[in-house]
């Protein structure tokens, strides 16, 4: 199983390259790719979800900042577009078996 799953909904500690490099040394990183519009719909209450924003930053800015890190460090990318939770998990398992 992978050591880490990355999602645009993830926590604030993914902000820097140094943290991402450390994670990539400890196991496989799976990036759960999700387009911005779908993410925006899922995250209706940012504070309630624990999404940490820099002062003056909005969700779009956060998304644009994190995606390049996720794409750079992911060992496996699973596009969640049009997938439910079970289908996403199935894709992850399939990719891990390859």
C-alpha atoms as a PDB file:
ATOM      1  CA  UNK A   1       0.000   0.000   0.000  1.00  0.00           C
ATOM      2  CA  UNK A   2       1.126   3.558  -0.570  1.00  0.00           C
ATOM      3  CA  UNK A   3       2.516   5.570   2.285  1.00  0.00           C
ATOM      4  CA  UNK A   4       0.750   8.752   1.216  1.00  0.00           C
ATOM      5  CA  UNK A   5      -2.362   9.810  -0.674  1.00  0.00           C
ATOM      6  CA  UNK A   6      -2.422  13.332  -2.085  1.00  0.00           C
ATOM      7  CA  UNK A   7      -5.643  15.109  -2.771  1.00  0.00           C
ATOM      8  CA  UNK A   8      -6.409  18.734  -3.518  1.00  0.00           C
ATOM      9  CA  UNK A   9      -8.416  18.504  -0.301  1.00  0.00           C
ATOM     10  CA  UNK A  10      -5.281  17.554   1.677  1.00  0.00           C
ATOM     11  CA  UNK A  11      -3.720  19.230   4.705  1.00  0.00           C
ATOM     12  CA  UNK A  12      -1.468  22.289   4.914  1.00  0.00           C
ATOM     13  CA  UNK A  13       1.780  20.381   5.460  1.00  0.00           C
ATOM     14  CA  UNK A  14       1.979  19.629   1.717  1.00  0.00           C
ATOM     15  CA  UNK A  15       2.928  23.217   1.006  1.00  0.00           C
ATOM     16  CA  UNK A  16       6.647  22.859   0.442  1.00  0.00           C
ATOM     17  CA  UNK A  17       8.998  20.877  -1.764  1.00  0.00           C
ATOM     18  CA  UNK A  18      11.057  19.809   1.247  1.00  0.00           C
ATOM     19  CA  UNK A  19       8.087  18.030   2.832  1.00  0.00           C
ATOM     20  CA  UNK A  20       7.199  16.408  -0.482  1.00  0.00           C
ATOM     21  CA  UNK A  21      10.779  15.180  -0.954  1.00  0.00           C
ATOM     22  CA  UNK A  22      10.696  13.622   2.511  1.00  0.00           C
ATOM     23  CA  UNK A  23       7.415  11.868   1.769  1.00  0.00           C
ATOM     24  CA  UNK A  24       8.729  10.511  -1.527  1.00  0.00           C
ATOM     25  CA  UNK A  25      11.618   8.903   0.357  1.00  0.00           C
ATOM     26  CA  UNK A  26       9.276   7.026   2.708  1.00  0.00           C
ATOM     27  CA  UNK A  27       7.016   5.296   0.184  1.00  0.00           C
ATOM     28  CA  UNK A  28       4.852   5.680  -2.878  1.00  0.00           C
ATOM     29  CA  UNK A  29       2.787   8.825  -3.238  1.00  0.00           C
ATOM     30  CA  UNK A  30      -0.651   8.542  -4.821  1.00  0.00           C
ATOM     31  CA  UNK A  31      -2.143  11.771  -6.142  1.00  0.00           C
ATOM     32  CA  UNK A  32      -5.932  11.827  -6.324  1.00  0.00           C
ATOM     33  CA  UNK A  33      -6.405  14.272  -9.182  1.00  0.00           C
ATOM     34  CA  UNK A  34      -9.563  16.352  -9.148  1.00  0.00           C
ATOM     35  CA  UNK A  35     -10.506  19.334 -11.293  1.00  0.00           C
ATOM     36  CA  UNK A  36     -11.021  22.659  -9.574  1.00  0.00           C
ATOM     37  CA  UNK A  37     -14.771  22.968 -10.211  1.00  0.00           C
ATOM     38  CA  UNK A  38     -15.508  19.582  -8.637  1.00  0.00           C
ATOM     39  CA  UNK A  39     -13.254  20.362  -5.681  1.00  0.00           C
ATOM     40  CA  UNK A  40     -14.979  23.700  -5.167  1.00  0.00           C
ATOM     41  CA  UNK A  41     -18.367  21.963  -5.041  1.00  0.00           C
ATOM     42  CA  UNK A  42     -17.110  19.358  -2.540  1.00  0.00           C
ATOM     43  CA  UNK A  43     -15.552  21.904  -0.195  1.00  0.00           C
ATOM     44  CA  UNK A  44     -18.501  24.110   0.628  1.00  0.00           C
ATOM     45  CA  UNK A  45     -17.235  25.086   4.110  1.00  0.00           C
ATOM     46  CA  UNK A  46     -13.458  25.571   3.997  1.00  0.00           C
ATOM     47  CA  UNK A  47     -12.997  26.347   7.693  1.00  0.00           C
ATOM     48  CA  UNK A  48     -15.206  23.458   8.745  1.00  0.00           C
ATOM     49  CA  UNK A  49     -13.129  21.121   6.543  1.00  0.00           C
ATOM     50  CA  UNK A  50      -9.880  22.380   8.075  1.00  0.00           C
ATOM     51  CA  UNK A  51      -8.555  23.855   4.832  1.00  0.00           C
ATOM     52  CA  UNK A  52      -5.697  26.199   5.685  1.00  0.00           C
ATOM     53  CA  UNK A  53      -5.281  29.261   3.500  1.00  0.00           C
ATOM     54  CA  UNK A  54      -2.552  31.876   3.576  1.00  0.00           C
ATOM     55  CA  UNK A  55      -3.735  35.388   4.350  1.00  0.00           C
ATOM     56  CA  UNK A  56      -5.536  36.774   1.315  1.00  0.00           C
ATOM     57  CA  UNK A  57      -5.550  33.395  -0.438  1.00  0.00           C
ATOM     58  CA  UNK A  58      -8.684  31.769  -1.802  1.00  0.00           C
ATOM     59  CA  UNK A  59      -9.357  28.157  -2.745  1.00  0.00           C
ATOM     60  CA  UNK A  60      -8.329  28.753  -6.369  1.00  0.00           C
ATOM     61  CA  UNK A  61      -4.974  30.162  -5.269  1.00  0.00           C
ATOM     62  CA  UNK A  62      -4.415  27.202  -2.971  1.00  0.00           C
ATOM     63  CA  UNK A  63      -5.335  24.749  -5.726  1.00  0.00           C
ATOM     64  CA  UNK A  64      -3.007  26.436  -8.234  1.00  0.00           C
ATOM     65  CA  UNK A  65      -0.177  26.380  -5.683  1.00  0.00           C
ATOM     66  CA  UNK A  66      -0.495  22.731  -4.691  1.00  0.00           C
ATOM     67  CA  UNK A  67      -1.173  21.020  -8.024  1.00  0.00           C
ATOM     68  CA  UNK A  68       2.383  21.459  -9.397  1.00  0.00           C
ATOM     69  CA  UNK A  69       3.782  19.865  -6.213  1.00  0.00           C
ATOM     70  CA  UNK A  70       1.374  16.951  -6.427  1.00  0.00           C
ATOM     71  CA  UNK A  71       2.123  16.384 -10.096  1.00  0.00           C
ATOM     72  CA  UNK A  72       5.879  16.579  -9.552  1.00  0.00           C
ATOM     73  CA  UNK A  73       6.079  14.142  -6.644  1.00  0.00           C
ATOM     74  CA  UNK A  74       3.306  11.638  -7.349  1.00  0.00           C
ATOM     75  CA  UNK A  75       4.398   8.108  -8.146  1.00  0.00           C
ATOM     76  CA  UNK A  76       0.826   7.256  -9.142  1.00  0.00           C
ATOM     77  CA  UNK A  77      -1.899   9.620 -10.333  1.00  0.00           C
ATOM     78  CA  UNK A  78      -5.558   8.613 -10.245  1.00  0.00           C
ATOM     79  CA  UNK A  79      -7.960  10.991 -11.968  1.00  0.00           C
ATOM     80  CA  UNK A  80     -11.156  11.027  -9.912  1.00  0.00           C
ATOM     81  CA  UNK A  81     -13.226  12.673 -12.643  1.00  0.00           C
ATOM     82  CA  UNK A  82     -16.603  10.917 -12.856  1.00  0.00           C
ATOM     83  CA  UNK A  83     -15.556   8.268 -10.290  1.00  0.00           C
ATOM     84  CA  UNK A  84     -17.242   7.464  -6.999  1.00  0.00           C
ATOM     85  CA  UNK A  85     -15.272   6.411  -3.911  1.00  0.00           C
ATOM     86  CA  UNK A  86     -15.295   2.699  -4.732  1.00  0.00           C
ATOM     87  CA  UNK A  87     -14.198   3.304  -8.322  1.00  0.00           C
ATOM     88  CA  UNK A  88     -11.391   5.544  -7.092  1.00  0.00           C
ATOM     89  CA  UNK A  89     -10.209   2.876  -4.666  1.00  0.00           C
ATOM     90  CA  UNK A  90     -10.355   0.261  -7.402  1.00  0.00           C
ATOM     91  CA  UNK A  91      -8.144   2.457  -9.636  1.00  0.00           C
ATOM     92  CA  UNK A  92      -5.650   2.925  -6.805  1.00  0.00           C
ATOM     93  CA  UNK A  93      -5.416  -0.804  -6.168  1.00  0.00           C
ATOM     94  CA  UNK A  94      -5.026  -1.540  -9.885  1.00  0.00           C
ATOM     95  CA  UNK A  95      -2.214   1.001 -10.214  1.00  0.00           C
ATOM     96  CA  UNK A  96      -0.420  -0.308  -7.116  1.00  0.00           C
ATOM     97  CA  UNK A  97      -0.430  -3.833  -8.572  1.00  0.00           C
ATOM     98  CA  UNK A  98       1.315  -2.693 -11.779  1.00  0.00           C
END
